[in-house]
Amino acid sequence: MGLLDGKVAAVSGAGSGIGRAVALGLAAAGASVVVNDYGVSVDGRDPSSAAANAVVKEIESRGGKAIASPESVATMAGGRARHPSRARDLRRSPHPRSAARASCGSG
């Protein structure tokens, strides 16, 4: 059983660098992860969900559970968009590793 099984973690800036590493580490410990990254270019223009979606795919390919949240958290509206409904979506179904352990009769 992972230390964070059944927990949801939201990570800002999770599309690259330290944020990405934190998101991957939390997922490896069993957390479902909200991968938040506005995905703008260096000059702050051209937002894209590509970086967040790539990290979600990486987490899922390793057996974890994640959703992308490409909203800017620089505003209250953006912060609300990444929380709590998205976190509820992650909590609704069991974590893939938890389901696998339950089906094996262990855990």
PDB file of N, CA and C in Angstrom:
ATOM      1  N   MET A   1       0.842  -1.176   0.000  1.00  0.00           N
ATOM      2  CA  MET A   1       0.000   0.000   0.000  1.00  0.00           C
ATOM      3  C   MET A   1       0.888   1.240   0.000  1.00  0.00           C
ATOM      4  N   GLY A   2       0.581   2.182  -0.909  1.00  0.00           N
ATOM      5  CA  GLY A   2       1.343   3.417  -0.993  1.00  0.00           C
ATOM      6  C   GLY A   2       0.993   4.369   0.136  1.00  0.00           C
ATOM      7  N   LEU A   3       1.939   5.160   0.507  1.00  0.00           N
ATOM      8  CA  LEU A   3       1.752   6.141   1.571  1.00  0.00           C
ATOM      9  C   LEU A   3       0.592   7.082   1.283  1.00  0.00           C
ATOM     10  N   LEU A   4       0.335   7.377   0.016  1.00  0.00           N
ATOM     11  CA  LEU A   4      -0.694   8.356  -0.345  1.00  0.00           C
ATOM     12  C   LEU A   4      -1.904   7.746  -1.047  1.00  0.00           C
ATOM     13  N   ASP A   5      -2.079   6.425  -0.954  1.00  0.00           N
ATOM     14  CA  ASP A   5      -3.260   5.794  -1.553  1.00  0.00           C
ATOM     15  C   ASP A   5      -4.524   6.462  -1.026  1.00  0.00           C
ATOM     16  N   GLY A   6      -5.456   6.756  -1.935  1.00  0.00           N
ATOM     17  CA  GLY A   6      -6.725   7.359  -1.549  1.00  0.00           C
ATOM     18  C   GLY A   6      -6.671   8.868  -1.373  1.00  0.00           C
ATOM     19  N   LYS A   7      -5.513   9.464  -1.563  1.00  0.00           N
ATOM     20  CA  LYS A   7      -5.361  10.911  -1.420  1.00  0.00           C
ATOM     21  C   LYS A   7      -5.298  11.556  -2.797  1.00  0.00           C
ATOM     22  N   VAL A   8      -5.670  12.840  -2.854  1.00  0.00           N
ATOM     23  CA  VAL A   8      -5.572  13.617  -4.081  1.00  0.00           C
ATOM     24  C   VAL A   8      -4.615  14.764  -3.837  1.00  0.00           C
ATOM     25  N   ALA A   9      -3.668  14.951  -4.747  1.00  0.00           N
ATOM     26  CA  ALA A   9      -2.699  16.042  -4.639  1.00  0.00           C
ATOM     27  C   ALA A   9      -2.815  16.920  -5.878  1.00  0.00           C
ATOM     28  N   ALA A  10      -2.837  18.233  -5.680  1.00  0.00           N
ATOM     29  CA  ALA A  10      -2.831  19.197  -6.782  1.00  0.00           C
ATOM     30  C   ALA A  10      -1.451  19.836  -6.826  1.00  0.00           C
ATOM     31  N   VAL A  11      -0.827  19.812  -7.999  1.00  0.00           N
ATOM     32  CA  VAL A  11       0.524  20.354  -8.147  1.00  0.00           C
ATOM     33  C   VAL A  11       0.512  21.430  -9.223  1.00  0.00           C
ATOM     34  N   SER A  12       0.817  22.663  -8.834  1.00  0.00           N
ATOM     35  CA  SER A  12       0.927  23.768  -9.793  1.00  0.00           C
ATOM     36  C   SER A  12       2.284  23.710 -10.479  1.00  0.00           C
ATOM     37  N   GLY A  13       2.308  24.055 -11.743  1.00  0.00           N
ATOM     38  CA  GLY A  13       3.562  24.023 -12.496  1.00  0.00           C
ATOM     39  C   GLY A  13       4.051  22.625 -12.755  1.00  0.00           C
ATOM     40  N   ALA A  14       3.119  21.675 -12.838  1.00  0.00           N
ATOM     41  CA  ALA A  14       3.482  20.262 -12.939  1.00  0.00           C
ATOM     42  C   ALA A  14       3.776  19.803 -14.362  1.00  0.00           C
ATOM     43  N   GLY A  15       3.765  20.714 -15.320  1.00  0.00           N
ATOM     44  CA  GLY A  15       4.027  20.324 -16.694  1.00  0.00           C
ATOM     45  C   GLY A  15       5.493  20.119 -17.015  1.00  0.00           C
ATOM     46  N   SER A  16       6.377  20.647 -16.168  1.00  0.00           N
ATOM     47  CA  SER A  16       7.807  20.496 -16.425  1.00  0.00           C
ATOM     48  C   SER A  16       8.611  20.774 -15.155  1.00  0.00           C
ATOM     49  N   GLY A  17       9.881  20.473 -15.213  1.00  0.00           N
ATOM     50  CA  GLY A  17      10.805  20.806 -14.127  1.00  0.00           C
ATOM     51  C   GLY A  17      10.465  20.177 -12.793  1.00  0.00           C
ATOM     52  N   ILE A  18      10.651  20.964 -11.742  1.00  0.00           N
ATOM     53  CA  ILE A  18      10.429  20.475 -10.374  1.00  0.00           C
ATOM     54  C   ILE A  18       8.978  20.065 -10.159  1.00  0.00           C
ATOM     55  N   GLY A  19       8.035  20.844 -10.688  1.00  0.00           N
ATOM     56  CA  GLY A  19       6.620  20.501 -10.543  1.00  0.00           C
ATOM     57  C   GLY A  19       6.290  19.142 -11.137  1.00  0.00           C
ATOM     58  N   ARG A  20       6.865  18.853 -12.297  1.00  0.00           N
ATOM     59  CA  ARG A  20       6.657  17.550 -12.931  1.00  0.00           C
ATOM     60  C   ARG A  20       7.198  16.438 -12.047  1.00  0.00           C
ATOM     61  N   ALA A  21       8.407  16.638 -11.522  1.00  0.00           N
ATOM     62  CA  ALA A  21       9.018  15.625 -10.655  1.00  0.00           C
ATOM     63  C   ALA A  21       8.184  15.397  -9.403  1.00  0.00           C
ATOM     64  N   VAL A  22       7.646  16.471  -8.836  1.00  0.00           N
ATOM     65  CA  VAL A  22       6.793  16.342  -7.647  1.00  0.00           C
ATOM     66  C   VAL A  22       5.528  15.556  -7.997  1.00  0.00           C
ATOM     67  N   ALA A  23       4.895  15.891  -9.119  1.00  0.00           N
ATOM     68  CA  ALA A  23       3.674  15.186  -9.534  1.00  0.00           C
ATOM     69  C   ALA A  23       3.939  13.698  -9.744  1.00  0.00           C
ATOM     70  N   LEU A  24       5.050  13.371 -10.405  1.00  0.00           N
ATOM     71  CA  LEU A  24       5.385  11.966 -10.637  1.00  0.00           C
ATOM     72  C   LEU A  24       5.679  11.243  -9.324  1.00  0.00           C
ATOM     73  N   GLY A  25       6.358  11.912  -8.412  1.00  0.00           N
ATOM     74  CA  GLY A  25       6.653  11.312  -7.109  1.00  0.00           C
ATOM     75  C   GLY A  25       5.403  11.059  -6.287  1.00  0.00           C
ATOM     76  N   LEU A  26       4.489  12.023  -6.294  1.00  0.00           N
ATOM     77  CA  LEU A  26       3.228  11.840  -5.562  1.00  0.00           C
ATOM     78  C   LEU A  26       2.428  10.682  -6.151  1.00  0.00           C
ATOM     79  N   ALA A  27       2.396  10.593  -7.467  1.00  0.00           N
ATOM     80  CA  ALA A  27       1.685   9.486  -8.113  1.00  0.00           C
ATOM     81  C   ALA A  27       2.332   8.152  -7.773  1.00  0.00           C
ATOM     82  N   ALA A  28       3.662   8.116  -7.761  1.00  0.00           N
ATOM     83  CA  ALA A  28       4.368   6.882  -7.422  1.00  0.00           C
ATOM     84  C   ALA A  28       4.073   6.440  -5.990  1.00  0.00           C
ATOM     85  N   ALA A  29       3.766   7.405  -5.120  1.00  0.00           N
ATOM     86  CA  ALA A  29       3.431   7.097  -3.728  1.00  0.00           C
ATOM     87  C   ALA A  29       1.949   6.756  -3.564  1.00  0.00           C
ATOM     88  N   GLY A  30       1.196   6.756  -4.682  1.00  0.00           N
ATOM     89  CA  GLY A  30      -0.195   6.320  -4.637  1.00  0.00           C
ATOM     90  C   GLY A  30      -1.235   7.409  -4.749  1.00  0.00           C
ATOM     91  N   ALA A  31      -0.842   8.675  -4.751  1.00  0.00           N
ATOM     92  CA  ALA A  31      -1.822   9.762  -4.835  1.00  0.00           C
ATOM     93  C   ALA A  31      -2.381   9.872  -6.244  1.00  0.00           C
ATOM     94  N   SER A  32      -3.636  10.288  -6.329  1.00  0.00           N
ATOM     95  CA  SER A  32      -4.200  10.729  -7.593  1.00  0.00           C
ATOM     96  C   SER A  32      -3.775  12.187  -7.727  1.00  0.00           C
ATOM     97  N   VAL A  33      -3.403  12.610  -8.926  1.00  0.00           N
ATOM     98  CA  VAL A  33      -2.774  13.919  -9.076  1.00  0.00           C
ATOM     99  C   VAL A  33      -3.544  14.819 -10.035  1.00  0.00           C
ATOM    100  N   VAL A  34      -3.792  16.050  -9.599  1.00  0.00           N
ATOM    101  CA  VAL A  34      -4.297  17.104 -10.469  1.00  0.00           C
ATOM    102  C   VAL A  34      -3.046  17.808 -10.993  1.00  0.00           C
ATOM    103  N   VAL A  35      -2.768  17.636 -12.277  1.00  0.00           N
ATOM    104  CA  VAL A  35      -1.573  18.195 -12.907  1.00  0.00           C
ATOM    105  C   VAL A  35      -1.929  19.577 -13.453  1.00  0.00           C
ATOM    106  N   ASN A  36      -1.546  20.617 -12.721  1.00  0.00           N
ATOM    107  CA  ASN A  36      -1.878  21.977 -13.131  1.00  0.00           C
ATOM    108  C   ASN A  36      -0.687  22.624 -13.807  1.00  0.00           C
ATOM    109  N   ASP A  37      -0.895  23.096 -15.028  1.00  0.00           N
ATOM    110  CA  ASP A  37       0.126  23.865 -15.724  1.00  0.00           C
ATOM    111  C   ASP A  37      -0.562  24.681 -16.801  1.00  0.00           C
ATOM    112  N   TYR A  38      -0.411  26.002 -16.720  1.00  0.00           N
ATOM    113  CA  TYR A  38      -1.033  26.906 -17.690  1.00  0.00           C
ATOM    114  C   TYR A  38      -0.390  26.752 -19.062  1.00  0.00           C
ATOM    115  N   GLY A  39       0.829  26.294 -19.091  1.00  0.00           N
ATOM    116  CA  GLY A  39       1.483  25.942 -20.343  1.00  0.00           C
ATOM    117  C   GLY A  39       1.792  27.104 -21.262  1.00  0.00           C
ATOM    118  N   VAL A  40       2.145  28.256 -20.698  1.00  0.00           N
ATOM    119  CA  VAL A  40       2.454  29.410 -21.538  1.00  0.00           C
ATOM    120  C   VAL A  40       3.907  29.382 -21.998  1.00  0.00           C
ATOM    121  N   SER A  41       4.178  30.152 -23.036  1.00  0.00           N
ATOM    122  CA  SER A  41       5.551  30.292 -23.514  1.00  0.00           C
ATOM    123  C   SER A  41       6.326  31.162 -22.528  1.00  0.00           C
ATOM    124  N   VAL A  42       7.598  31.316 -22.749  1.00  0.00           N
ATOM    125  CA  VAL A  42       8.463  32.062 -21.839  1.00  0.00           C
ATOM    126  C   VAL A  42       7.954  33.492 -21.621  1.00  0.00           C
ATOM    127  N   ASP A  43       7.355  34.089 -22.651  1.00  0.00           N
ATOM    128  CA  ASP A  43       6.865  35.462 -22.516  1.00  0.00           C
ATOM    129  C   ASP A  43       5.434  35.534 -21.982  1.00  0.00           C
ATOM    130  N   GLY A  44       4.875  34.404 -21.546  1.00  0.00           N
ATOM    131  CA  GLY A  44       3.553  34.387 -20.928  1.00  0.00           C
ATOM    132  C   GLY A  44       2.391  34.314 -21.896  1.00  0.00           C
ATOM    133  N   ARG A  45       2.671  34.073 -23.153  1.00  0.00           N
ATOM    134  CA  ARG A  45       1.599  34.000 -24.154  1.00  0.00           C
ATOM    135  C   ARG A  45       1.364  32.569 -24.613  1.00  0.00           C
ATOM    136  N   ASP A  46       0.312  32.409 -25.366  1.00  0.00           N
ATOM    137  CA  ASP A  46      -0.013  31.134 -26.009  1.00  0.00           C
ATOM    138  C   ASP A  46      -0.202  29.978 -25.034  1.00  0.00           C
ATOM    139  N   PRO A  47      -1.190  30.081 -24.121  1.00  0.00           N
ATOM    140  CA  PRO A  47      -1.419  28.964 -23.199  1.00  0.00           C
ATOM    141  C   PRO A  47      -1.771  27.673 -23.946  1.00  0.00           C
ATOM    142  N   SER A  48      -1.308  26.574 -23.400  1.00  0.00           N
ATOM    143  CA  SER A  48      -1.535  25.267 -24.009  1.00  0.00           C
ATOM    144  C   SER A  48      -1.641  24.212 -22.905  1.00  0.00           C
ATOM    145  N   SER A  49      -2.492  23.240 -23.121  1.00  0.00           N
ATOM    146  CA  SER A  49      -2.632  22.149 -22.150  1.00  0.00           C
ATOM    147  C   SER A  49      -1.686  20.992 -22.451  1.00  0.00           C
ATOM    148  N   ALA A  50      -0.834  21.132 -23.465  1.00  0.00           N
ATOM    149  CA  ALA A  50       0.032  20.025 -23.901  1.00  0.00           C
ATOM    150  C   ALA A  50       0.943  19.509 -22.789  1.00  0.00           C
ATOM    151  N   ALA A  51       1.570  20.398 -22.044  1.00  0.00           N
ATOM    152  CA  ALA A  51       2.499  19.961 -20.987  1.00  0.00           C
ATOM    153  C   ALA A  51       1.757  19.188 -19.896  1.00  0.00           C
ATOM    154  N   ALA A  52       0.624  19.707 -19.445  1.00  0.00           N
ATOM    155  CA  ALA A  52      -0.153  19.020 -18.409  1.00  0.00           C
ATOM    156  C   ALA A  52      -0.641  17.662 -18.920  1.00  0.00           C
ATOM    157  N   ASN A  53      -1.120  17.625 -20.147  1.00  0.00           N
ATOM    158  CA  ASN A  53      -1.610  16.364 -20.704  1.00  0.00           C
ATOM    159  C   ASN A  53      -0.494  15.325 -20.833  1.00  0.00           C
ATOM    160  N   ALA A  54       0.707  15.763 -21.172  1.00  0.00           N
ATOM    161  CA  ALA A  54       1.834  14.832 -21.298  1.00  0.00           C
ATOM    162  C   ALA A  54       2.178  14.197 -19.948  1.00  0.00           C
ATOM    163  N   VAL A  55       2.139  14.980 -18.877  1.00  0.00           N
ATOM    164  CA  VAL A  55       2.444  14.439 -17.548  1.00  0.00           C
ATOM    165  C   VAL A  55       1.339  13.478 -17.108  1.00  0.00           C
ATOM    166  N   VAL A  56       0.085  13.812 -17.416  1.00  0.00           N
ATOM    167  CA  VAL A  56      -1.027  12.904 -17.095  1.00  0.00           C
ATOM    168  C   VAL A  56      -0.817  11.568 -17.797  1.00  0.00           C
ATOM    169  N   LYS A  57      -0.461  11.595 -19.068  1.00  0.00           N
ATOM    170  CA  LYS A  57      -0.221  10.349 -19.811  1.00  0.00           C
ATOM    171  C   LYS A  57       0.921   9.549 -19.199  1.00  0.00           C
ATOM    172  N   GLU A  58       1.963  10.247 -18.757  1.00  0.00           N
ATOM    173  CA  GLU A  58       3.099   9.558 -18.138  1.00  0.00           C
ATOM    174  C   GLU A  58       2.684   8.882 -16.829  1.00  0.00           C
ATOM    175  N   ILE A  59       1.909   9.590 -16.019  1.00  0.00           N
ATOM    176  CA  ILE A  59       1.428   9.015 -14.751  1.00  0.00           C
ATOM    177  C   ILE A  59       0.538   7.810 -15.025  1.00  0.00           C
ATOM    178  N   GLU A  60      -0.376   7.951 -15.974  1.00  0.00           N
ATOM    179  CA  GLU A  60      -1.275   6.840 -16.299  1.00  0.00           C
ATOM    180  C   GLU A  60      -0.526   5.646 -16.874  1.00  0.00           C
ATOM    181  N   SER A  61       0.527   5.896 -17.657  1.00  0.00           N
ATOM    182  CA  SER A  61       1.297   4.786 -18.230  1.00  0.00           C
ATOM    183  C   SER A  61       2.026   3.987 -17.159  1.00  0.00           C
ATOM    184  N   ARG A  62       2.229   4.612 -15.998  1.00  0.00           N
ATOM    185  CA  ARG A  62       2.881   3.936 -14.868  1.00  0.00           C
ATOM    186  C   ARG A  62       1.856   3.360 -13.897  1.00  0.00           C
ATOM    187  N   GLY A  63       0.586   3.363 -14.281  1.00  0.00           N
ATOM    188  CA  GLY A  63      -0.454   2.770 -13.453  1.00  0.00           C
ATOM    189  C   GLY A  63      -1.105   3.730 -12.476  1.00  0.00           C
ATOM    190  N   GLY A  64      -0.796   5.009 -12.565  1.00  0.00           N
ATOM    191  CA  GLY A  64      -1.372   6.000 -11.660  1.00  0.00           C
ATOM    192  C   GLY A  64      -2.613   6.645 -12.228  1.00  0.00           C
ATOM    193  N   LYS A  65      -3.156   7.567 -11.472  1.00  0.00           N
ATOM    194  CA  LYS A  65      -4.379   8.254 -11.852  1.00  0.00           C
ATOM    195  C   LYS A  65      -4.145   9.753 -11.783  1.00  0.00           C
ATOM    196  N   ALA A  66      -4.491  10.459 -12.858  1.00  0.00           N
ATOM    197  CA  ALA A  66      -4.261  11.901 -12.901  1.00  0.00           C
ATOM    198  C   ALA A  66      -5.217  12.557 -13.879  1.00  0.00           C
ATOM    199  N   ILE A  67      -5.416  13.849 -13.684  1.00  0.00           N
ATOM    200  CA  ILE A  67      -6.169  14.662 -14.636  1.00  0.00           C
ATOM    201  C   ILE A  67      -5.394  15.952 -14.862  1.00  0.00           C
ATOM    202  N   ALA A  68      -5.544  16.509 -16.060  1.00  0.00           N
ATOM    203  CA  ALA A  68      -4.877  17.768 -16.394  1.00  0.00           C
ATOM    204  C   ALA A  68      -5.760  18.938 -15.993  1.00  0.00           C
ATOM    205  N   SER A  69      -5.112  20.004 -15.558  1.00  0.00           N
ATOM    206  CA  SER A  69      -5.790  21.245 -15.212  1.00  0.00           C
ATOM    207  C   SER A  69      -4.950  22.383 -15.800  1.00  0.00           C
ATOM    208  N   PRO A  70      -5.271  22.804 -17.027  1.00  0.00           N
ATOM    209  CA  PRO A  70      -4.445  23.815 -17.679  1.00  0.00           C
ATOM    210  C   PRO A  70      -4.813  25.257 -17.332  1.00  0.00           C
ATOM    211  N   GLU A  71      -5.652  25.476 -16.337  1.00  0.00           N
ATOM    212  CA  GLU A  71      -6.062  26.827 -15.975  1.00  0.00           C
ATOM    213  C   GLU A  71      -4.951  27.588 -15.255  1.00  0.00           C
ATOM    214  N   SER A  72      -4.972  28.902 -15.402  1.00  0.00           N
ATOM    215  CA  SER A  72      -4.063  29.755 -14.646  1.00  0.00           C
ATOM    216  C   SER A  72      -4.567  29.854 -13.211  1.00  0.00           C
ATOM    217  N   VAL A  73      -3.675  29.701 -12.255  1.00  0.00           N
ATOM    218  CA  VAL A  73      -4.078  29.843 -10.852  1.00  0.00           C
ATOM    219  C   VAL A  73      -3.714  31.229 -10.322  1.00  0.00           C
ATOM    220  N   ALA A  74      -3.467  32.155 -11.239  1.00  0.00           N
ATOM    221  CA  ALA A  74      -3.176  33.535 -10.853  1.00  0.00           C
ATOM    222  C   ALA A  74      -4.442  34.281 -10.453  1.00  0.00           C
ATOM    223  N   THR A  75      -5.603  33.683 -10.719  1.00  0.00           N
ATOM    224  CA  THR A  75      -6.881  34.293 -10.345  1.00  0.00           C
ATOM    225  C   THR A  75      -7.684  33.316  -9.499  1.00  0.00           C
ATOM    226  N   MET A  76      -8.648  33.824  -8.763  1.00  0.00           N
ATOM    227  CA  MET A  76      -9.527  32.959  -7.966  1.00  0.00           C
ATOM    228  C   MET A  76     -10.301  32.006  -8.863  1.00  0.00           C
ATOM    229  N   ALA A  77     -10.768  32.504 -10.006  1.00  0.00           N
ATOM    230  CA  ALA A  77     -11.540  31.649 -10.919  1.00  0.00           C
ATOM    231  C   ALA A  77     -10.699  30.476 -11.410  1.00  0.00           C
ATOM    232  N   GLY A  78      -9.446  30.727 -11.734  1.00  0.00           N
ATOM    233  CA  GLY A  78      -8.569  29.643 -12.178  1.00  0.00           C
ATOM    234  C   GLY A  78      -8.299  28.649 -11.073  1.00  0.00           C
ATOM    235  N   GLY A  79      -8.104  29.131  -9.859  1.00  0.00           N
ATOM    236  CA  GLY A  79      -7.893  28.248  -8.714  1.00  0.00           C
ATOM    237  C   GLY A  79      -9.106  27.385  -8.435  1.00  0.00           C
ATOM    238  N   ARG A  80     -10.270  27.984  -8.528  1.00  0.00           N
ATOM    239  CA  ARG A  80     -11.502  27.213  -8.307  1.00  0.00           C
ATOM    240  C   ARG A  80     -11.688  26.158  -9.393  1.00  0.00           C
ATOM    241  N   ALA A  81     -11.267  26.470 -10.601  1.00  0.00           N
ATOM    242  CA  ALA A  81     -11.429  25.527 -11.710  1.00  0.00           C
ATOM    243  C   ALA A  81     -10.608  24.270 -11.490  1.00  0.00           C
ATOM    244  N   ARG A  82      -9.477  24.385 -10.793  1.00  0.00           N
ATOM    245  CA  ARG A  82      -8.637  23.196 -10.607  1.00  0.00           C
ATOM    246  C   ARG A  82      -9.037  22.398  -9.382  1.00  0.00           C
ATOM    247  N   HIS A  83      -9.764  22.989  -8.485  1.00  0.00           N
ATOM    248  CA  HIS A  83     -10.210  22.326  -7.264  1.00  0.00           C
ATOM    249  C   HIS A  83     -11.714  22.250  -7.273  1.00  0.00           C
ATOM    250  N   PRO A  84     -12.524  22.010  -6.397  1.00  0.00           N
ATOM    251  CA  PRO A  84     -12.650  20.710  -5.776  1.00  0.00           C
ATOM    252  C   PRO A  84     -13.329  19.697  -6.665  1.00  0.00           C
ATOM    253  N   SER A  85     -14.027  20.174  -7.744  1.00  0.00           N
ATOM    254  CA  SER A  85     -14.744  19.201  -8.577  1.00  0.00           C
ATOM    255  C   SER A  85     -13.791  18.239  -9.263  1.00  0.00           C
ATOM    256  N   ARG A  86     -12.641  18.721  -9.700  1.00  0.00           N
ATOM    257  CA  ARG A  86     -11.677  17.824 -10.333  1.00  0.00           C
ATOM    258  C   ARG A  86     -11.141  16.806  -9.330  1.00  0.00           C
ATOM    259  N   ALA A  87     -10.906  17.255  -8.120  1.00  0.00           N
ATOM    260  CA  ALA A  87     -10.441  16.327  -7.084  1.00  0.00           C
ATOM    261  C   ALA A  87     -11.518  15.290  -6.790  1.00  0.00           C
ATOM    262  N   ARG A  88     -12.781  15.709  -6.761  1.00  0.00           N
ATOM    263  CA  ARG A  88     -13.870  14.752  -6.537  1.00  0.00           C
ATOM    264  C   ARG A  88     -13.901  13.704  -7.642  1.00  0.00           C
ATOM    265  N   ASP A  89     -13.648  14.132  -8.892  1.00  0.00           N
ATOM    266  CA  ASP A  89     -13.621  13.181 -10.007  1.00  0.00           C
ATOM    267  C   ASP A  89     -12.565  12.102  -9.767  1.00  0.00           C
ATOM    268  N   LEU A  90     -11.424  12.503  -9.220  1.00  0.00           N
ATOM    269  CA  LEU A  90     -10.358  11.533  -8.955  1.00  0.00           C
ATOM    270  C   LEU A  90     -10.715  10.591  -7.817  1.00  0.00           C
ATOM    271  N   ARG A  91     -11.494  11.057  -6.862  1.00  0.00           N
ATOM    272  CA  ARG A  91     -11.845  10.220  -5.712  1.00  0.00           C
ATOM    273  C   ARG A  91     -12.953   9.231  -6.014  1.00  0.00           C
ATOM    274  N   ARG A  92     -13.727   9.469  -7.063  1.00  0.00           N
ATOM    275  CA  ARG A  92     -14.915   8.651  -7.325  1.00  0.00           C
ATOM    276  C   ARG A  92     -14.600   7.202  -7.635  1.00  0.00           C
ATOM    277  N   SER A  93     -13.532   6.955  -8.348  1.00  0.00           N
ATOM    278  CA  SER A  93     -13.216   5.571  -8.685  1.00  0.00           C
ATOM    279  C   SER A  93     -11.944   5.162  -7.949  1.00  0.00           C
ATOM    280  N   PRO A  94     -11.819   3.881  -7.636  1.00  0.00           N
ATOM    281  CA  PRO A  94     -10.636   3.439  -6.899  1.00  0.00           C
ATOM    282  C   PRO A  94      -9.365   3.617  -7.699  1.00  0.00           C
ATOM    283  N   HIS A  95      -8.276   3.801  -6.983  1.00  0.00           N
ATOM    284  CA  HIS A  95      -6.956   3.915  -7.609  1.00  0.00           C
ATOM    285  C   HIS A  95      -6.649   2.587  -8.284  1.00  0.00           C
ATOM    286  N   PRO A  96      -6.094   2.597  -9.500  1.00  0.00           N
ATOM    287  CA  PRO A  96      -5.835   1.338 -10.213  1.00  0.00           C
ATOM    288  C   PRO A  96      -5.028   0.332  -9.405  1.00  0.00           C
ATOM    289  N   ARG A  97      -4.028   0.795  -8.643  1.00  0.00           N
ATOM    290  CA  ARG A  97      -3.229  -0.144  -7.856  1.00  0.00           C
ATOM    291  C   ARG A  97      -4.044  -0.736  -6.710  1.00  0.00           C
ATOM    292  N   SER A  98      -4.931   0.071  -6.122  1.00  0.00           N
ATOM    293  CA  SER A  98      -5.779  -0.436  -5.035  1.00  0.00           C
ATOM    294  C   SER A  98      -6.712  -1.511  -5.561  1.00  0.00           C
ATOM    295  N   ALA A  99      -7.273  -1.271  -6.746  1.00  0.00           N
ATOM    296  CA  ALA A  99      -8.186  -2.253  -7.343  1.00  0.00           C
ATOM    297  C   ALA A  99      -7.441  -3.545  -7.647  1.00  0.00           C
ATOM    298  N   ALA A 100      -6.207  -3.431  -8.138  1.00  0.00           N
ATOM    299  CA  ALA A 100      -5.427  -4.620  -8.460  1.00  0.00           C
ATOM    300  C   ALA A 100      -5.118  -5.425  -7.196  1.00  0.00           C
ATOM    301  N   ARG A 101      -4.768  -4.737  -6.110  1.00  0.00           N
ATOM    302  CA  ARG A 101      -4.495  -5.450  -4.866  1.00  0.00           C
ATOM    303  C   ARG A 101      -5.753  -6.132  -4.348  1.00  0.00           C
ATOM    304  N   ALA A 102      -6.901  -5.449  -4.458  1.00  0.00           N
ATOM    305  CA  ALA A 102      -8.140  -6.031  -3.954  1.00  0.00           C
ATOM    306  C   ALA A 102      -8.491  -7.283  -4.740  1.00  0.00           C
ATOM    307  N   SER A 103      -8.251  -7.249  -6.057  1.00  0.00           N
ATOM    308  CA  SER A 103      -8.599  -8.407  -6.863  1.00  0.00           C
ATOM    309  C   SER A 103      -7.652  -9.578  -6.622  1.00  0.00           C
ATOM    310  N   CYS A 104      -6.476  -9.296  -6.093  1.00  0.00           N
ATOM    311  CA  CYS A 104      -5.505 -10.369  -5.799  1.00  0.00           C
ATOM    312  C   CYS A 104      -5.740 -10.984  -4.415  1.00  0.00           C
ATOM    313  N   GLY A 105      -6.612 -10.354  -3.638  1.00  0.00           N
ATOM    314  CA  GLY A 105      -6.884 -10.868  -2.310  1.00  0.00           C
ATOM    315  C   GLY A 105      -5.891 -10.412  -1.253  1.00  0.00           C
ATOM    316  N   SER A 106      -5.029  -9.452  -1.600  1.00  0.00           N
ATOM    317  CA  SER A 106      -4.084  -8.933  -0.610  1.00  0.00           C
ATOM    318  C   SER A 106      -4.399  -7.479  -0.323  1.00  0.00           C
ATOM    319  N   GLY A 107      -3.774  -6.911   0.709  1.00  0.00           N
ATOM    320  CA  GLY A 107      -3.937  -5.488   0.987  1.00  0.00           C
ATOM    321  C   GLY A 107      -4.786  -5.303   2.114  1.00  0.00           C
TER     322      GLY A 107
END
